[in-house]
N, C-alpha and C. Protein backbone atom coordinates (compact mmCIF):
# COMPACT_ATOMS: atom_id res chain seq x y z
N UNK A 1 46.91 14.56 103.77
CA UNK A 1 47.18 15.98 104.75
C UNK A 1 45.70 16.84 104.33
N UNK A 2 45.33 17.50 105.38
CA UNK A 2 44.25 18.71 105.40
C UNK A 2 44.65 19.80 105.72
N UNK A 3 44.53 20.79 105.00
CA UNK A 3 44.60 22.19 105.85
C UNK A 3 43.53 22.63 106.47
N UNK A 4 43.12 23.06 107.61
CA UNK A 4 42.28 23.35 108.48
C UNK A 4 42.66 24.63 109.07
N UNK A 5 43.56 25.49 108.44
CA UNK A 5 43.96 26.57 109.43
C UNK A 5 43.16 27.88 108.36
N UNK A 6 42.27 28.08 108.70
CA UNK A 6 41.00 29.26 107.88
C UNK A 6 41.52 30.60 108.75
N UNK A 7 42.39 30.44 109.76
CA UNK A 7 42.47 31.72 110.43
C UNK A 7 43.70 32.85 109.48
N UNK A 8 44.39 31.91 108.55
CA UNK A 8 45.69 33.01 108.06
C UNK A 8 45.29 32.56 106.63
N UNK A 9 44.39 33.70 105.97
CA UNK A 9 44.27 33.38 104.40
C UNK A 9 45.03 34.30 103.58
N UNK A 10 45.89 35.50 104.23
CA UNK A 10 46.70 36.19 103.33
C UNK A 10 47.78 35.52 103.24
N UNK A 11 48.38 34.49 103.78
CA UNK A 11 49.57 34.07 103.19
C UNK A 11 49.28 32.54 102.75
N UNK A 12 50.38 32.14 101.62
CA UNK A 12 49.99 31.08 100.95
C UNK A 12 50.53 29.77 102.32
N UNK A 13 49.74 28.79 102.24
CA UNK A 13 50.21 27.46 103.20
C UNK A 13 50.78 26.28 102.44
N UNK A 14 52.39 26.65 102.66
CA UNK A 14 53.19 25.43 102.14
C UNK A 14 53.79 24.54 103.30
N UNK A 15 53.58 23.32 102.70
CA UNK A 15 54.11 22.16 104.01
C UNK A 15 55.27 21.59 103.51
N UNK A 16 56.12 21.02 103.94
CA UNK A 16 57.49 20.82 103.25
C UNK A 16 57.84 19.04 104.17
N UNK A 17 58.57 18.30 103.14
CA UNK A 17 58.92 16.95 103.76
C UNK A 17 60.39 16.90 103.89
N UNK A 18 60.89 16.92 105.20
CA UNK A 18 62.30 16.15 105.30
C UNK A 18 62.55 15.11 105.26
N UNK A 19 63.81 14.44 104.96
CA UNK A 19 64.11 13.34 105.14
C UNK A 19 65.16 13.72 106.22
N UNK A 20 65.39 12.77 107.37
CA UNK A 20 66.33 12.96 108.52
C UNK A 20 67.73 13.02 107.89
N UNK A 21 68.36 14.07 108.73
CA UNK A 21 69.60 14.35 108.52
C UNK A 21 69.91 15.08 106.81
N UNK A 22 68.79 15.45 106.48
CA UNK A 22 69.15 16.48 105.21
C UNK A 22 67.94 17.63 105.49
N UNK A 23 68.48 18.42 106.55
CA UNK A 23 67.78 19.89 106.67
C UNK A 23 67.94 21.16 105.59
N UNK A 24 68.60 20.83 104.77
CA UNK A 24 69.10 22.03 103.87
C UNK A 24 68.00 21.54 102.60
N UNK A 25 67.42 20.71 102.20
CA UNK A 25 66.87 20.73 101.40
C UNK A 25 65.59 19.79 101.47
N UNK A 26 64.10 20.10 101.24
CA UNK A 26 63.18 19.22 101.51
C UNK A 26 63.01 18.29 100.51
N UNK A 27 62.58 17.21 100.64
CA UNK A 27 62.48 15.86 99.68
C UNK A 27 61.48 16.39 98.87
N UNK A 28 59.89 16.64 99.48
CA UNK A 28 59.19 17.34 98.25
C UNK A 28 58.23 18.41 98.93
N UNK A 29 57.37 19.08 98.71
CA UNK A 29 56.60 20.11 99.41
C UNK A 29 55.36 20.24 98.56
N UNK A 30 53.94 20.73 99.20
CA UNK A 30 52.92 21.18 98.67
C UNK A 30 52.47 22.32 99.29
N UNK A 31 51.41 22.90 98.22
CA UNK A 31 50.92 23.94 98.59
C UNK A 31 49.32 23.92 98.88
N UNK A 32 48.69 24.19 100.10
CA UNK A 32 47.17 23.90 100.42
C UNK A 32 46.58 25.27 100.44
N UNK A 33 45.08 25.38 100.32
CA UNK A 33 44.50 25.96 100.64
C UNK A 33 43.64 25.80 101.86
N UNK A 34 43.11 26.80 102.70
CA UNK A 34 42.32 26.40 103.28
C UNK A 34 41.04 25.28 103.25
N UNK A 35 40.93 24.17 103.69
CA UNK A 35 39.94 23.33 103.37
C UNK A 35 40.30 22.22 102.70
N UNK A 36 41.61 22.42 101.86
CA UNK A 36 42.12 21.45 100.83
C UNK A 36 42.66 20.13 101.40
N UNK A 37 42.61 18.83 100.56
CA UNK A 37 43.02 17.96 101.17
C UNK A 37 44.01 17.28 100.28
N UNK A 38 45.30 16.81 100.34
CA UNK A 38 45.85 16.06 99.27
C UNK A 38 46.72 14.74 99.72
N UNK A 39 46.50 14.02 98.97
CA UNK A 39 47.53 12.35 99.37
C UNK A 39 48.97 12.70 98.84
N UNK A 40 49.91 12.74 99.83
CA UNK A 40 51.26 12.66 99.64
C UNK A 40 51.96 10.97 99.57
N UNK A 41 52.37 10.77 98.85
CA UNK A 41 53.00 9.64 98.59
C UNK A 41 54.34 9.95 99.09
N UNK A 42 55.11 8.84 99.81
CA UNK A 42 56.76 8.58 100.25
C UNK A 42 57.13 7.13 99.81
N UNK A 43 58.30 7.07 100.05
CA UNK A 43 59.00 5.52 99.57
C UNK A 43 58.70 4.88 100.74
N UNK A 44 58.85 3.57 101.13
CA UNK A 44 58.22 2.74 101.92
C UNK A 44 59.22 2.80 102.91
N UNK A 45 60.32 3.71 103.08
CA UNK A 45 61.39 3.19 104.00
C UNK A 45 61.60 4.84 104.23
N UNK A 46 60.78 5.76 104.04
CA UNK A 46 60.96 7.26 104.24
C UNK A 46 60.93 7.47 105.95
N UNK A 47 61.97 8.46 106.33
CA UNK A 47 61.65 8.68 107.84
C UNK A 47 62.22 10.23 107.88
N UNK A 48 61.37 10.72 108.48
CA UNK A 48 61.71 12.57 108.45
C UNK A 48 60.80 13.04 108.97
N UNK A 49 60.10 14.04 108.66
CA UNK A 49 59.10 15.32 109.32
C UNK A 49 58.51 16.11 108.19
N UNK A 50 57.56 16.36 108.54
CA UNK A 50 56.57 17.49 107.47
C UNK A 50 56.37 18.75 108.77
N UNK A 51 56.63 19.84 107.81
CA UNK A 51 56.73 21.11 108.46
C UNK A 51 55.90 22.34 107.71
N UNK A 52 55.55 23.32 108.35
CA UNK A 52 54.97 24.46 107.81
C UNK A 52 56.27 24.90 107.21
N UNK A 53 55.95 26.12 106.28
CA UNK A 53 56.90 27.02 106.07
C UNK A 53 56.92 28.09 104.41
N UNK A 54 57.86 28.59 104.03
CA UNK A 54 57.19 29.17 102.61
C UNK A 54 58.63 29.14 101.96
N UNK A 55 58.44 29.19 100.46
CA UNK A 55 59.31 28.80 99.55
C UNK A 55 60.57 29.71 99.72
N UNK A 56 60.43 30.98 100.38
CA UNK A 56 61.97 31.75 100.45
C UNK A 56 62.55 31.10 101.44
N UNK A 57 62.37 30.79 102.76
CA UNK A 57 63.10 30.28 103.37
C UNK A 57 63.29 28.64 103.24
N UNK A 58 62.25 27.96 103.05
CA UNK A 58 62.53 26.43 103.01
C UNK A 58 63.25 26.08 101.66
N UNK A 59 63.11 26.98 100.91
CA UNK A 59 64.23 26.88 99.81
C UNK A 59 65.40 27.36 99.60
N UNK A 60 65.93 27.80 100.55
CA UNK A 60 67.48 28.84 100.76
C UNK A 60 68.61 27.86 100.50
N UNK A 61 68.50 26.55 101.02
CA UNK A 61 69.62 25.73 100.74
C UNK A 61 70.53 25.75 102.45
N UNK A 62 69.50 26.19 103.19
CA UNK A 62 70.38 26.16 104.61
C UNK A 62 69.61 25.47 105.60
N UNK A 63 70.04 25.19 106.86
CA UNK A 63 69.08 24.27 107.57
C UNK A 63 68.73 25.22 108.37
N UNK A 64 68.43 26.35 108.33
CA UNK A 64 68.01 27.60 109.55
C UNK A 64 66.51 27.94 109.61
N UNK A 65 65.90 26.62 108.77
CA UNK A 65 64.60 26.78 109.16
C UNK A 65 63.44 25.80 109.71
N UNK A 66 64.38 25.42 111.10
CA UNK A 66 63.94 24.10 111.93
C UNK A 66 62.82 24.46 112.69
N UNK A 67 62.98 26.02 113.32
CA UNK A 67 61.88 26.49 114.05
C UNK A 67 60.42 26.15 113.95
N UNK A 68 59.62 25.60 114.70
CA UNK A 68 58.40 25.15 114.38
C UNK A 68 57.90 23.60 114.48
N UNK A 69 56.61 23.73 114.80
CA UNK A 69 55.76 21.89 114.92
C UNK A 69 56.52 21.12 113.61
N UNK A 70 57.04 19.94 114.37
CA UNK A 70 57.34 18.74 113.42
C UNK A 70 56.26 17.49 113.55
N UNK A 71 55.75 17.14 112.48
CA UNK A 71 54.78 16.05 112.21
C UNK A 71 56.46 15.06 111.72
N UNK A 72 56.76 13.96 112.93
CA UNK A 72 57.71 13.12 112.64
C UNK A 72 57.09 11.76 112.21
N UNK A 73 57.48 11.38 111.18
CA UNK A 73 56.88 9.91 110.43
C UNK A 73 57.99 9.00 110.03
N UNK A 74 58.01 7.47 110.25
CA UNK A 74 58.66 6.77 109.39
C UNK A 74 58.14 5.69 109.45
N UNK A 75 58.54 4.84 108.14
CA UNK A 75 58.05 3.44 107.66
C UNK A 75 58.77 2.66 107.88
N UNK A 76 58.46 1.55 107.84
CA UNK A 76 59.18 0.02 108.13
C UNK A 76 58.51 -0.88 107.25
N UNK A 77 59.49 -1.68 106.62
CA UNK A 77 58.78 -2.81 106.03
C UNK A 77 58.75 -3.89 106.80
N UNK A 78 57.99 -4.87 106.56
CA UNK A 78 57.71 -6.07 107.68
C UNK A 78 57.06 -7.12 106.80
N UNK A 79 57.34 -8.29 106.95
CA UNK A 79 57.05 -9.54 106.37
C UNK A 79 55.28 -9.65 107.05
N UNK A 80 54.60 -10.06 105.88
CA UNK A 80 52.89 -10.18 106.12
C UNK A 80 52.53 -11.97 106.36
N UNK A 81 53.05 -12.36 108.09
CA UNK A 81 52.60 -13.45 108.21
C UNK A 81 51.53 -14.15 107.44
N UNK A 82 50.32 -13.42 107.40
CA UNK A 82 48.91 -13.57 107.22
C UNK A 82 48.99 -13.88 105.67
N UNK A 83 49.74 -13.39 105.02
CA UNK A 83 49.57 -13.17 103.33
C UNK A 83 50.20 -14.82 102.90
N UNK A 84 49.48 -15.45 101.75
CA UNK A 84 49.68 -16.51 101.13
C UNK A 84 51.32 -16.72 100.75
N UNK A 85 52.34 -17.61 101.42
CA UNK A 85 53.16 -18.20 101.24
C UNK A 85 54.26 -16.83 102.00
N UNK A 86 53.50 -16.30 102.72
CA UNK A 86 54.57 -15.20 103.44
C UNK A 86 55.25 -14.30 103.08
N UNK A 87 55.05 -14.28 101.69
CA UNK A 87 56.05 -13.43 101.10
C UNK A 87 55.60 -11.94 100.94
N UNK A 88 54.29 -11.40 101.08
CA UNK A 88 53.97 -10.32 101.15
C UNK A 88 54.80 -9.34 101.83
N UNK A 89 54.72 -8.32 101.69
CA UNK A 89 55.45 -7.01 102.46
C UNK A 89 54.51 -6.19 102.77
N UNK A 90 54.00 -5.74 103.94
CA UNK A 90 53.36 -4.56 104.53
C UNK A 90 53.98 -3.84 105.39
N UNK A 91 53.61 -2.47 105.37
CA UNK A 91 54.06 -1.41 105.65
C UNK A 91 53.56 -0.89 107.21
N UNK A 92 54.28 -0.90 107.95
CA UNK A 92 53.89 0.14 109.38
C UNK A 92 54.49 1.51 109.23
N UNK A 93 53.97 2.43 110.02
CA UNK A 93 54.35 3.72 110.23
C UNK A 93 54.28 4.06 111.24
N UNK A 94 55.40 4.75 112.01
CA UNK A 94 55.28 5.31 113.43
C UNK A 94 55.12 6.87 113.19
N UNK A 95 54.87 7.57 114.35
CA UNK A 95 54.40 9.03 113.87
C UNK A 95 54.50 9.81 115.29
N UNK A 96 54.78 10.91 115.60
CA UNK A 96 54.30 11.80 116.29
C UNK A 96 54.30 13.17 116.12
N UNK A 97 53.80 13.95 117.56
CA UNK A 97 53.64 15.48 116.61
C UNK A 97 54.75 16.20 118.04
N UNK A 98 55.96 16.66 117.20
CA UNK A 98 57.18 17.08 118.14
C UNK A 98 57.09 18.52 118.20
N UNK A 99 57.37 19.20 119.44
CA UNK A 99 57.46 20.55 119.84
C UNK A 99 58.75 20.66 120.07
N UNK A 100 59.42 20.09 120.32
CA UNK A 100 61.10 19.91 120.47
C UNK A 100 61.95 21.25 119.71
N UNK A 101 61.36 21.24 118.62
CA UNK A 101 62.10 22.31 117.95
C UNK A 101 61.49 23.54 117.75
N UNK A 102 60.16 23.67 118.64
CA UNK A 102 59.49 24.82 118.61
C UNK A 102 58.10 24.42 118.48
N UNK A 103 57.30 25.75 118.06
CA UNK A 103 55.61 25.26 117.96
C UNK A 103 55.29 26.38 116.98
N UNK A 104 54.78 25.94 115.77
CA UNK A 104 54.14 27.15 114.99
C UNK A 104 52.74 27.15 114.79
N UNK A 105 52.05 25.89 115.58
CA UNK A 105 50.82 25.86 115.46
C UNK A 105 50.25 24.00 115.57
N UNK A 106 49.00 23.94 115.60
CA UNK A 106 48.77 22.64 115.90
C UNK A 106 48.51 21.73 114.90
N UNK A 107 48.69 20.34 115.17
CA UNK A 107 48.63 19.56 113.93
C UNK A 107 47.81 18.03 114.80
N UNK A 108 46.84 17.16 114.37
CA UNK A 108 46.23 16.33 114.62
C UNK A 108 46.82 15.20 113.44
N UNK A 109 47.39 13.95 114.41
CA UNK A 109 47.72 12.90 113.68
C UNK A 109 46.86 11.60 113.85
N UNK A 110 46.25 11.10 112.65
CA UNK A 110 45.62 10.18 113.02
C UNK A 110 45.74 9.05 112.28
N UNK A 111 45.89 7.49 113.08
CA UNK A 111 46.14 6.33 112.24
C UNK A 111 44.80 6.28 111.62
N UNK A 112 44.95 5.37 109.99
CA UNK A 112 44.09 5.20 109.47
C UNK A 112 43.94 3.69 109.32
N UNK A 113 44.39 2.94 110.15
CA UNK A 113 44.21 1.55 110.15
C UNK A 113 43.09 0.72 110.78
N UNK A 114 42.01 1.78 111.37
CA UNK A 114 41.01 1.30 112.03
C UNK A 114 41.10 1.29 113.75
N UNK A 115 42.14 1.64 113.84
CA UNK A 115 42.42 1.93 115.62
C UNK A 115 42.15 2.96 116.20
N UNK A 116 42.07 4.07 115.47
CA UNK A 116 41.73 5.09 115.84
C UNK A 116 42.60 5.93 116.82
N UNK A 117 43.82 5.39 116.39
CA UNK A 117 44.93 5.93 117.51
C UNK A 117 44.96 7.48 116.90
N UNK A 118 45.34 8.21 117.97
CA UNK A 118 45.44 9.60 117.28
C UNK A 118 46.68 10.39 118.40
N UNK A 119 47.10 11.54 118.09
CA UNK A 119 48.33 12.35 119.01
C UNK A 119 47.96 13.62 118.24
N UNK A 120 48.52 14.66 119.02
CA UNK A 120 48.65 16.09 118.54
C UNK A 120 47.53 17.18 119.29
N UNK A 121 47.43 18.29 118.51
CA UNK A 121 46.22 19.09 119.35
C UNK A 121 45.73 19.89 118.25
N UNK A 122 44.75 20.76 118.30
CA UNK A 122 43.89 21.39 117.29
C UNK A 122 44.38 22.78 117.84
N UNK A 123 44.05 23.20 119.03
CA UNK A 123 44.32 24.55 119.32
C UNK A 123 45.22 25.46 119.14
N UNK A 124 45.11 26.68 119.07
CA UNK A 124 46.24 27.96 119.11
C UNK A 124 47.17 28.11 120.17
N UNK A 125 47.88 27.55 120.62
CA UNK A 125 48.71 27.53 121.75
C UNK A 125 49.47 28.79 121.88
N UNK A 126 50.18 29.20 120.49
CA UNK A 126 50.80 30.30 120.19
C UNK A 126 50.50 31.90 120.54
N UNK A 127 48.97 31.70 119.98
CA UNK A 127 48.50 33.14 120.06
C UNK A 127 48.63 33.44 121.64
N UNK A 128 47.93 33.39 122.57
CA UNK A 128 48.01 33.77 124.00
C UNK A 128 49.36 33.13 124.57
N UNK A 129 50.41 32.99 124.30
CA UNK A 129 51.83 32.57 124.61
C UNK A 129 52.27 33.62 125.83
N UNK A 130 53.20 33.72 126.45
CA UNK A 130 53.82 34.84 127.19
C UNK A 130 55.12 35.05 126.30
N UNK A 131 55.27 36.64 126.35
CA UNK A 131 56.37 37.07 125.29
C UNK A 131 57.71 36.13 125.73
N UNK A 132 57.96 36.10 126.83
CA UNK A 132 59.29 35.40 126.91
C UNK A 132 58.97 33.58 126.37
N UNK A 133 58.28 33.02 126.15
CA UNK A 133 58.18 31.64 125.52
C UNK A 133 58.24 31.92 123.81
N UNK A 134 58.30 33.07 123.33
CA UNK A 134 58.39 33.24 121.92
C UNK A 134 59.70 33.38 121.20
N UNK A 135 59.84 32.78 120.10
CA UNK A 135 61.34 33.35 119.13
C UNK A 135 60.60 33.28 117.89
N UNK A 136 61.91 33.94 117.22
CA UNK A 136 61.75 34.03 115.76
C UNK A 136 62.11 33.39 114.74
N UNK A 137 61.10 32.92 113.52
CA UNK A 137 61.66 32.01 112.55
C UNK A 137 62.40 32.83 111.91
N UNK A 138 63.04 32.27 110.68
CA UNK A 138 63.89 32.94 109.76
C UNK A 138 63.09 33.95 109.18
N UNK A 139 61.72 33.83 108.93
CA UNK A 139 60.80 34.67 108.30
C UNK A 139 60.52 35.84 109.01
N UNK A 140 61.03 35.95 110.61
CA UNK A 140 60.39 36.95 111.47
C UNK A 140 59.43 36.84 112.30
N UNK A 141 58.76 35.76 111.76
CA UNK A 141 57.38 35.87 112.67
C UNK A 141 57.79 35.11 113.95
N UNK A 142 56.89 35.44 115.01
CA UNK A 142 57.03 34.84 116.12
C UNK A 142 56.39 33.45 116.20
N UNK A 143 57.21 32.56 117.02
CA UNK A 143 56.46 30.86 117.29
C UNK A 143 56.87 30.79 118.50
N UNK A 144 56.48 29.80 119.18
CA UNK A 144 56.62 29.03 120.48
C UNK A 144 58.45 28.40 120.31
N UNK A 145 59.48 29.18 121.24
CA UNK A 145 60.62 28.33 121.02
C UNK A 145 60.95 26.92 121.23
N UNK A 146 61.99 26.36 120.96
CA UNK A 146 62.43 25.18 121.11
C UNK A 146 62.63 25.03 122.86
N UNK A 147 62.38 23.48 122.73
CA UNK A 147 62.57 22.98 123.90
C UNK A 147 63.72 22.54 124.49
N UNK A 148 64.59 22.11 123.71
CA UNK A 148 65.54 21.11 123.52
C UNK A 148 67.23 21.91 123.11
N UNK A 149 68.44 21.68 123.32
CA UNK A 149 69.43 21.87 123.17
C UNK A 149 70.06 22.99 123.52
N UNK A 150 70.94 23.87 123.33
CA UNK A 150 71.52 24.88 123.87
C UNK A 150 70.70 26.38 123.61
N UNK A 151 69.74 26.48 123.07
CA UNK A 151 68.99 27.23 122.47
C UNK A 151 67.30 27.04 123.17
N UNK A 152 67.58 26.26 124.26
CA UNK A 152 66.34 25.64 124.83
C UNK A 152 65.15 27.00 125.40
N UNK A 153 64.18 27.04 124.88
CA UNK A 153 63.46 28.13 125.88
C UNK A 153 62.52 27.45 127.17
N UNK A 154 63.14 27.80 128.38
CA UNK A 154 62.25 26.93 129.66
C UNK A 154 61.05 27.34 129.73
N UNK A 155 60.79 28.78 129.66
CA UNK A 155 59.38 29.28 129.52
C UNK A 155 58.52 28.59 128.45
N UNK A 156 59.00 28.47 126.95
CA UNK A 156 58.02 27.82 126.00
C UNK A 156 57.81 26.27 126.62
N UNK A 157 58.70 25.77 127.12
CA UNK A 157 58.34 24.32 127.81
C UNK A 157 57.23 24.53 128.89
N UNK A 158 57.68 25.49 129.96
CA UNK A 158 56.32 25.37 131.16
C UNK A 158 55.01 25.66 130.26
N UNK A 159 54.68 26.52 129.16
CA UNK A 159 53.80 27.01 128.55
C UNK A 159 53.04 25.69 127.79
N UNK A 160 53.87 25.09 127.19
CA UNK A 160 53.23 23.74 126.32
C UNK A 160 52.70 22.88 127.66
N UNK A 161 53.49 22.58 128.26
CA UNK A 161 53.19 21.77 129.33
C UNK A 161 51.94 21.57 130.18
N UNK A 162 51.52 23.32 130.47
CA UNK A 162 50.49 23.52 130.88
C UNK A 162 49.17 23.45 130.35
N UNK A 163 49.41 23.27 128.74
CA UNK A 163 48.26 23.15 127.83
C UNK A 163 48.10 22.16 127.34
N UNK A 164 49.15 21.22 127.38
CA UNK A 164 49.13 20.14 126.54
C UNK A 164 49.28 18.79 127.39
N UNK A 165 48.85 17.71 127.08
CA UNK A 165 49.46 16.69 127.77
C UNK A 165 50.59 15.60 126.94
N UNK A 166 51.72 15.72 127.71
CA UNK A 166 53.07 15.29 127.28
C UNK A 166 53.05 13.92 126.91
N UNK A 167 52.04 13.14 127.33
CA UNK A 167 51.87 11.46 126.89
C UNK A 167 50.96 11.29 125.82
N UNK A 168 50.04 12.17 125.56
CA UNK A 168 48.99 12.26 124.46
C UNK A 168 49.16 12.91 123.14
N UNK A 169 49.53 14.13 123.80
CA UNK A 169 49.09 15.33 122.83
C UNK A 169 50.78 15.72 121.85
N UNK A 170 51.56 15.84 122.64
CA UNK A 170 52.99 16.28 121.91
C UNK A 170 54.22 15.94 122.37
N UNK A 171 55.21 15.56 121.70
CA UNK A 171 56.72 15.59 122.30
C UNK A 171 57.32 16.89 122.93
N UNK A 172 57.33 16.96 123.89
CA UNK A 172 57.73 18.21 124.52
C UNK A 172 58.90 18.44 125.28
N UNK A 173 58.97 17.33 125.79
CA UNK A 173 60.55 16.80 126.82
C UNK A 173 60.96 15.72 126.27
N UNK A 174 62.22 15.33 126.28
CA UNK A 174 63.04 14.34 125.75
C UNK A 174 62.54 13.18 126.43
N UNK A 175 62.13 13.16 127.19
CA UNK A 175 61.92 11.74 128.17
C UNK A 175 60.70 11.26 127.94
N UNK A 176 59.77 11.69 127.58
CA UNK A 176 58.44 11.32 127.11
C UNK A 176 57.79 11.62 125.57
N UNK A 177 57.74 10.64 124.86
CA UNK A 177 57.64 10.67 123.33
C UNK A 177 56.50 9.98 123.02
N UNK A 178 55.38 10.54 122.55
CA UNK A 178 53.75 10.06 122.71
C UNK A 178 53.93 9.33 121.05
N UNK A 179 54.63 8.71 120.64
CA UNK A 179 54.63 7.75 119.31
C UNK A 179 53.69 7.18 119.34
N UNK A 180 52.99 7.15 118.09
CA UNK A 180 51.91 5.78 117.57
C UNK A 180 52.05 5.59 116.38
N UNK A 181 51.17 4.14 116.11
CA UNK A 181 51.44 3.39 114.88
C UNK A 181 50.27 3.13 114.28
N UNK A 182 50.65 3.39 112.84
CA UNK A 182 49.34 2.98 111.95
C UNK A 182 49.70 1.78 111.23
N UNK A 183 49.36 0.62 111.27
CA UNK A 183 49.79 -0.56 110.63
C UNK A 183 49.62 -0.59 108.93
N UNK A 184 48.69 0.09 108.17
CA UNK A 184 48.58 0.14 107.32
C UNK A 184 49.29 1.38 106.52
N UNK A 185 50.44 1.86 107.18
CA UNK A 185 51.05 2.64 106.59
C UNK A 185 50.76 4.15 106.03
N UNK A 186 49.57 4.53 106.48
CA UNK A 186 48.97 5.51 106.02
C UNK A 186 48.43 6.57 107.40
N UNK A 187 48.47 7.75 107.05
CA UNK A 187 48.08 8.80 108.31
C UNK A 187 47.29 9.93 107.51
N UNK A 188 46.40 10.05 108.64
CA UNK A 188 45.00 11.30 108.03
C UNK A 188 46.00 12.37 109.12
N UNK A 189 46.56 13.35 108.18
CA UNK A 189 46.98 14.65 109.25
C UNK A 189 46.33 16.03 108.89
N UNK A 190 45.96 16.43 109.66
CA UNK A 190 45.33 17.78 109.98
C UNK A 190 45.93 18.85 110.47
N UNK A 191 46.44 19.81 109.60
CA UNK A 191 47.14 21.13 110.30
C UNK A 191 46.21 22.28 110.60
N UNK A 192 46.30 22.59 111.78
CA UNK A 192 45.44 24.19 112.15
C UNK A 192 46.19 25.10 112.12
N UNK A 193 45.38 26.22 112.83
CA UNK A 193 46.09 27.64 112.63
C UNK A 193 47.52 27.60 112.98
N UNK A 194 48.45 28.08 111.89
CA UNK A 194 49.61 28.11 112.00
C UNK A 194 50.63 29.32 111.61
N UNK A 195 51.88 29.46 111.79
CA UNK A 195 52.56 30.49 111.38
C UNK A 195 53.45 29.80 110.26
N UNK A 196 53.75 30.39 109.34
CA UNK A 196 54.34 29.82 108.08
C UNK A 196 55.79 30.46 107.82
């Protein structure tokens, strides 16, 4: 994971990993400074998301901190048929960049298995967004609103679809999910300008 957010140096850049269906408590988290890279390991069956955040909001024991860009990842174990005796286990991972629960900045997700498959975006689409497309995080900071559920923000969805390709860059509408895979179970994630 790499922090390429050089636009926001007054605030600490915390990133949180959440297992699916465990929205109240992060599984783990890390602090990065602009330009830093960290390797984060997960169990081989992890399924969840990585998000920006802050210690105050994300460690408050509630699920009120979902608004923002989600890097969704899941690992699966599979038998490696090319290994001697076919007993070795290889790990494959699936992932996408989701804006269904809002957008607080860009992320690029690259498969590291040699396929060079990539999804996500690096530009700051929050900065020039129309006022009607914005919503407040629990921290009070403005981000793009969520595009699904009872509080779906149609203007946020229109803005994102105007700027991004839903087939390649981000999960914006429920019917189109640009999921990619890395056969070696490792991702190169770069987080760009964002709101924590």
